[in-house]
Amino acid sequence: MLQVTSSQLGLLNLLQIHLPKSR
């Protein structure tokens, strides 16, 4: 399992908000 830090979660959230979920 990959350990995800709060910073990474925050960055992922920002990316999801900035980039539309078209995947």
C-alpha atoms as a PDB file:
ATOM      1  CA  MET A   1       0.000   0.000   0.000  1.00  0.00           C
ATOM      2  CA  LEU A   2       1.266   3.484  -0.867  1.00  0.00           C
ATOM      3  CA  GLN A   3       1.374   5.960   1.985  1.00  0.00           C
ATOM      4  CA  VAL A   4      -0.355   9.187   0.989  1.00  0.00           C
ATOM      5  CA  THR A   5       0.483  12.308   2.963  1.00  0.00           C
ATOM      6  CA  SER A   6      -1.890  15.179   3.686  1.00  0.00           C
ATOM      7  CA  SER A   7       0.072  17.346   1.242  1.00  0.00           C
ATOM      8  CA  GLN A   8      -0.389  14.792  -1.524  1.00  0.00           C
ATOM      9  CA  LEU A   9      -4.115  14.535  -0.784  1.00  0.00           C
ATOM     10  CA  GLY A  10      -4.428  18.321  -0.905  1.00  0.00           C
ATOM     11  CA  LEU A  11      -2.573  18.468  -4.223  1.00  0.00           C
ATOM     12  CA  LEU A  12      -4.740  15.696  -5.668  1.00  0.00           C
ATOM     13  CA  ASN A  13      -7.885  17.534  -4.560  1.00  0.00           C
ATOM     14  CA  LEU A  14      -6.662  20.758  -6.170  1.00  0.00           C
ATOM     15  CA  LEU A  15      -5.821  18.903  -9.390  1.00  0.00           C
ATOM     16  CA  GLN A  16      -9.261  17.283  -9.481  1.00  0.00           C
ATOM     17  CA  ILE A  17     -10.925  20.664  -8.947  1.00  0.00           C
ATOM     18  CA  HIS A  18      -8.765  22.429 -11.555  1.00  0.00           C
ATOM     19  CA  LEU A  19      -8.895  19.610 -14.077  1.00  0.00           C
ATOM     20  CA  PRO A  20     -12.341  18.191 -14.934  1.00  0.00           C
ATOM     21  CA  LYS A  21     -12.795  14.451 -14.390  1.00  0.00           C
ATOM     22  CA  SER A  22     -12.850  13.315 -18.006  1.00  0.00           C
ATOM     23  CA  ARG A  23     -10.952  10.088 -17.354  1.00  0.00           C
END
